[in-house]
């Protein structure tokens, strides 16, 4: 990798530098738009005591859920955990620390962290357990709680296309948490389905500018569906 070329050719190189105890921000919503191969590489590395910031924790045998098997995750900061039995088991056994965060607040924590904003006020969670112990201020007659932003040592992201400079486009609903996550990592790694040359992506279609991205890798993806619901014939 030299100059502006951010393409790496192996998942070992993509996740080089990840160490025990680090914080990782992961894009994706359910199993949609998850960086599945980067997650698999973390499992292969055996890195432990990790804090993960992600909307959810995958399912038992796919997505972030595979990192629970060998207890690589120490803490989850997430908003929805309902589809993972192993997650529930470890939580109830006191083996996994969980910080539940409203979904929109979690997205804004990532976005604000990437923008260099240390904290913000939101009405979401005021008067509930979410707001306990947090600073409260009143604006225009309504009370708001202060939420601190989030940044991570690594951000792992799934894109559709990227150029070698690291400019990224997401496809459809895979935009979910990925654009916010991409801005909030000290090292941001993006895996994509296609890598093109600079100038091939229309500037108006780029979702994440390359300034935020450190490494890009081309992968192949299973794209599993979390719950398939079809109309009865």
Protein backbone atom coordinates (compact mmCIF):
# COMPACT_ATOMS: atom_id res chain seq x y z
CA UNK A 1 0.00 0.00 0.00
CA UNK A 2 1.59 3.27 -1.08
CA UNK A 3 0.56 6.85 -1.73
CA UNK A 4 -3.22 7.22 -1.88
CA UNK A 5 -3.82 3.55 -2.60
CA UNK A 6 -5.61 2.15 0.44
CA UNK A 7 -6.29 -1.33 -0.94
CA UNK A 8 -5.00 -4.29 1.08
CA UNK A 9 -4.91 -7.81 -0.26
CA UNK A 10 -5.46 -9.95 2.83
CA UNK A 11 -7.72 -9.89 5.85
CA UNK A 12 -4.65 -10.27 8.05
CA UNK A 13 -3.40 -6.96 6.71
CA UNK A 14 -6.86 -5.42 6.93
CA UNK A 15 -7.10 -6.02 10.70
CA UNK A 16 -3.42 -5.60 11.56
CA UNK A 17 -2.98 -3.72 14.82
CA UNK A 18 -6.14 -4.94 16.54
CA UNK A 19 -5.22 -5.82 20.13
CA UNK A 20 -6.91 -7.17 23.23
CA UNK A 21 -9.03 -4.62 25.07
CA UNK A 22 -9.69 -2.33 22.10
CA UNK A 23 -13.02 -0.78 21.10
CA UNK A 24 -14.44 -1.71 17.69
CA UNK A 25 -17.35 0.08 16.00
CA UNK A 26 -19.19 -2.15 13.54
CA UNK A 27 -21.65 -1.16 10.85
CA UNK A 28 -24.73 -3.13 9.93
CA UNK A 29 -28.33 -3.59 11.03
CA UNK A 30 -29.43 -7.11 11.87
CA UNK A 31 -27.49 -9.09 9.26
CA UNK A 32 -27.88 -6.40 6.59
CA UNK A 33 -24.67 -4.65 5.58
CA UNK A 34 -22.46 -6.34 8.16
CA UNK A 35 -18.68 -6.64 7.58
CA UNK A 36 -18.91 -10.40 7.84
CA UNK A 37 -15.40 -11.25 6.65
CA UNK A 38 -13.73 -8.70 8.92
CA UNK A 39 -15.67 -10.18 11.84
CA UNK A 40 -14.50 -13.66 10.80
CA UNK A 41 -10.92 -12.40 10.77
CA UNK A 42 -11.27 -11.09 14.32
CA UNK A 43 -12.46 -14.54 15.38
CA UNK A 44 -9.50 -16.11 13.60
CA UNK A 45 -7.11 -13.74 15.41
CA UNK A 46 -8.58 -14.68 18.78
CA UNK A 47 -8.45 -11.09 20.04
CA UNK A 48 -10.23 -10.83 23.41
CA UNK A 49 -11.61 -8.36 25.95
CA UNK A 50 -13.09 -6.32 23.11
CA UNK A 51 -15.78 -3.66 23.41
CA UNK A 52 -18.09 -3.64 20.40
CA UNK A 53 -20.34 -0.77 19.41
CA UNK A 54 -23.01 -2.02 17.03
CA UNK A 55 -26.77 -1.89 16.65
CA UNK A 56 -26.99 -5.59 17.52
CA UNK A 57 -24.80 -8.66 17.95
CA UNK A 58 -25.73 -10.80 14.97
CA UNK A 59 -27.12 -14.29 15.54
CA UNK A 60 -25.60 -17.32 17.23
CA UNK A 61 -23.62 -18.54 14.21
CA UNK A 62 -23.20 -15.43 12.05
CA UNK A 63 -22.13 -11.83 12.33
CA UNK A 64 -20.81 -10.58 15.67
CA UNK A 65 -22.44 -13.57 17.33
CA UNK A 66 -19.51 -15.78 16.34
CA UNK A 67 -17.24 -13.73 18.62
CA UNK A 68 -19.32 -14.72 21.64
CA UNK A 69 -18.43 -18.40 21.24
CA UNK A 70 -14.91 -17.96 22.65
CA UNK A 71 -15.95 -14.94 24.75
CA UNK A 72 -13.95 -12.46 22.70
CA UNK A 73 -16.43 -9.67 23.47
CA UNK A 74 -16.25 -8.15 26.95
CA UNK A 75 -18.84 -5.41 26.44
CA UNK A 76 -21.55 -4.61 23.90
CA UNK A 77 -22.91 -1.10 23.36
CA UNK A 78 -26.01 -1.72 21.27
CA UNK A 79 -29.71 -1.09 20.87
CA UNK A 80 -31.22 -4.47 19.96
CA UNK A 81 -30.16 -7.93 21.05
CA UNK A 82 -33.28 -10.05 20.59
CA UNK A 83 -32.15 -12.63 18.00
CA UNK A 84 -29.12 -14.10 19.78
CA UNK A 85 -29.63 -16.84 22.36
CA UNK A 86 -25.94 -17.03 23.28
CA UNK A 87 -25.91 -13.27 23.88
CA UNK A 88 -28.85 -13.65 26.26
CA UNK A 89 -27.20 -16.55 28.06
CA UNK A 90 -23.92 -14.69 28.61
CA UNK A 91 -25.73 -11.53 29.69
CA UNK A 92 -27.86 -13.34 32.28
CA UNK A 93 -24.81 -15.23 33.55
CA UNK A 94 -22.91 -11.99 34.11
CA UNK A 95 -20.29 -12.94 31.52
CA UNK A 96 -21.09 -10.06 29.13
CA UNK A 97 -21.45 -6.40 29.97
CA UNK A 98 -24.21 -4.70 27.97
CA UNK A 99 -24.98 -0.99 27.60
CA UNK A 100 -28.36 -0.63 25.89
CA UNK A 101 -28.72 2.62 23.95
CA UNK A 102 -31.72 3.91 21.97
CA UNK A 103 -31.13 3.27 18.28
CA UNK A 104 -31.17 6.88 17.10
CA UNK A 105 -28.99 7.92 20.02
CA UNK A 106 -26.47 5.21 19.13
CA UNK A 107 -26.32 6.41 15.51
CA UNK A 108 -25.82 10.00 16.67
CA UNK A 109 -23.12 8.93 19.15
CA UNK A 110 -21.14 7.52 16.21
CA UNK A 111 -21.85 10.49 13.95
CA UNK A 112 -20.92 13.02 16.64
CA UNK A 113 -17.75 11.11 17.48
CA UNK A 114 -16.70 11.16 13.85
CA UNK A 115 -17.44 14.90 13.67
CA UNK A 116 -15.33 15.69 16.72
CA UNK A 117 -18.35 16.60 18.86
CA UNK A 118 -17.81 15.26 22.40
CA UNK A 119 -21.45 15.24 23.53
CA UNK A 120 -24.98 16.32 22.60
CA UNK A 121 -28.43 16.70 24.15
CA UNK A 122 -31.43 14.54 23.26
CA UNK A 123 -34.92 14.16 24.69
CA UNK A 124 -34.81 10.43 24.01
CA UNK A 125 -34.47 8.51 27.26
CA UNK A 126 -35.30 11.36 29.62
CA UNK A 127 -37.27 10.08 32.60
CA UNK A 128 -36.33 6.44 31.89
CA UNK A 129 -33.47 4.20 33.10
CA UNK A 130 -31.53 5.34 30.00
CA UNK A 131 -31.28 8.82 31.49
CA UNK A 132 -30.30 7.86 35.02
CA UNK A 133 -27.19 9.65 36.22
CA UNK A 134 -26.90 11.82 33.11
CA UNK A 135 -26.86 15.60 33.00
CA UNK A 136 -30.25 17.18 32.28
CA UNK A 137 -30.88 20.57 30.70
CA UNK A 138 -34.03 22.33 29.64
CA UNK A 139 -34.42 23.91 26.20
CA UNK A 140 -37.61 25.73 25.20
CA UNK A 141 -39.54 24.13 28.03
CA UNK A 142 -38.47 20.54 27.29
CA UNK A 143 -35.91 18.51 29.22
CA UNK A 144 -33.01 16.78 27.52
CA UNK A 145 -30.26 14.43 28.68
CA UNK A 146 -26.63 14.74 27.68
CA UNK A 147 -25.15 11.81 25.77
CA UNK A 148 -21.43 11.44 25.14
CA UNK A 149 -20.24 10.58 21.65
CA UNK A 150 -18.38 7.40 20.74
CA UNK A 151 -15.13 6.72 18.91
CA UNK A 152 -13.28 3.45 18.51
CA UNK A 153 -9.80 2.12 17.96
CA UNK A 154 -11.15 0.37 14.85
CA UNK A 155 -14.27 0.78 12.74
CA UNK A 156 -15.25 -2.13 10.50
CA UNK A 157 -17.62 -1.34 7.66
CA UNK A 158 -19.35 -3.08 4.74
CA UNK A 159 -19.64 -1.10 1.49
CA UNK A 160 -20.79 -1.90 -2.02
CA UNK A 161 -18.16 -0.14 -4.13
CA UNK A 162 -15.00 1.76 -3.29
CA UNK A 163 -12.19 3.27 -5.28
CA UNK A 164 -8.55 2.79 -4.39
CA UNK A 165 -8.58 6.14 -2.57
CA UNK A 166 -11.13 4.78 -0.10
CA UNK A 167 -14.22 6.63 -1.31
CA UNK A 168 -17.19 4.36 -0.56
CA UNK A 169 -20.74 3.81 -1.82
CA UNK A 170 -23.26 1.72 0.12
CA UNK A 171 -26.10 -0.13 -1.58
CA UNK A 172 -29.69 0.49 -0.49
CA UNK A 173 -30.41 -0.35 3.17
CA UNK A 174 -26.79 -1.30 3.85
CA UNK A 175 -26.35 2.43 4.46
CA UNK A 176 -27.90 1.86 7.95
CA UNK A 177 -25.09 2.36 10.52
CA UNK A 178 -22.18 2.00 8.10
CA UNK A 179 -21.68 5.69 7.14
CA UNK A 180 -21.64 6.79 10.79
CA UNK A 181 -19.39 3.94 11.89
CA UNK A 182 -16.92 4.73 9.11
CA UNK A 183 -16.22 8.18 10.54
CA UNK A 184 -15.71 7.12 14.14
CA UNK A 185 -12.70 4.80 14.05
CA UNK A 186 -9.06 5.74 14.52
CA UNK A 187 -8.48 3.02 11.91
CA UNK A 188 -11.42 2.44 9.55
CA UNK A 189 -11.44 -0.73 7.47
CA UNK A 190 -14.01 -1.14 4.69
CA UNK A 191 -14.73 -4.37 2.86
CA UNK A 192 -16.56 -4.05 -0.44
CA UNK A 193 -17.89 -6.10 -3.31
CA UNK A 194 -16.06 -4.12 -5.99
CA UNK A 195 -13.01 -1.87 -6.13
CA UNK A 196 -12.69 0.61 -8.99
CA UNK A 197 -10.14 3.20 -10.06
CA UNK A 198 -10.27 6.84 -8.92
CA UNK A 199 -12.71 8.85 -11.03
CA UNK A 200 -15.03 5.91 -11.75
CA UNK A 201 -17.37 6.81 -8.88
CA UNK A 202 -19.52 9.87 -9.37
CA UNK A 203 -18.66 12.40 -6.66
CA UNK A 204 -22.36 13.00 -5.98
CA UNK A 205 -22.90 9.29 -5.26
CA UNK A 206 -20.12 8.85 -2.69
CA UNK A 207 -21.45 8.26 0.83
CA UNK A 208 -18.15 8.06 2.76
CA UNK A 209 -15.23 10.19 1.54
CA UNK A 210 -11.85 8.50 1.51
CA UNK A 211 -10.52 10.91 4.14
CA UNK A 212 -12.22 8.70 6.74
CA UNK A 213 -10.96 5.36 5.39
CA UNK A 214 -7.60 3.76 6.11
CA UNK A 215 -7.91 0.35 4.44
CA UNK A 216 -10.10 -1.19 1.74
CA UNK A 217 -10.40 -4.86 0.86
CA UNK A 218 -12.45 -6.73 -1.72
CA UNK A 219 -14.42 -9.67 -0.39
CA UNK A 220 -17.19 -12.12 -1.25
CA UNK A 221 -20.28 -12.22 0.91
CA UNK A 222 -22.93 -14.68 2.04
CA UNK A 223 -25.52 -11.92 2.74
CA UNK A 224 -27.61 -14.13 4.97
CA UNK A 225 -31.21 -13.11 5.74
CA UNK A 226 -31.94 -12.91 9.48
CA UNK A 227 -35.64 -13.73 9.27
CA UNK A 228 -37.31 -14.72 6.03
CA UNK A 229 -41.03 -13.90 5.94
CA UNK A 230 -43.08 -14.76 2.87
CA UNK A 231 -46.74 -14.47 2.01
CA UNK A 232 -48.75 -17.64 2.27
CA UNK A 233 -49.85 -18.87 -1.14
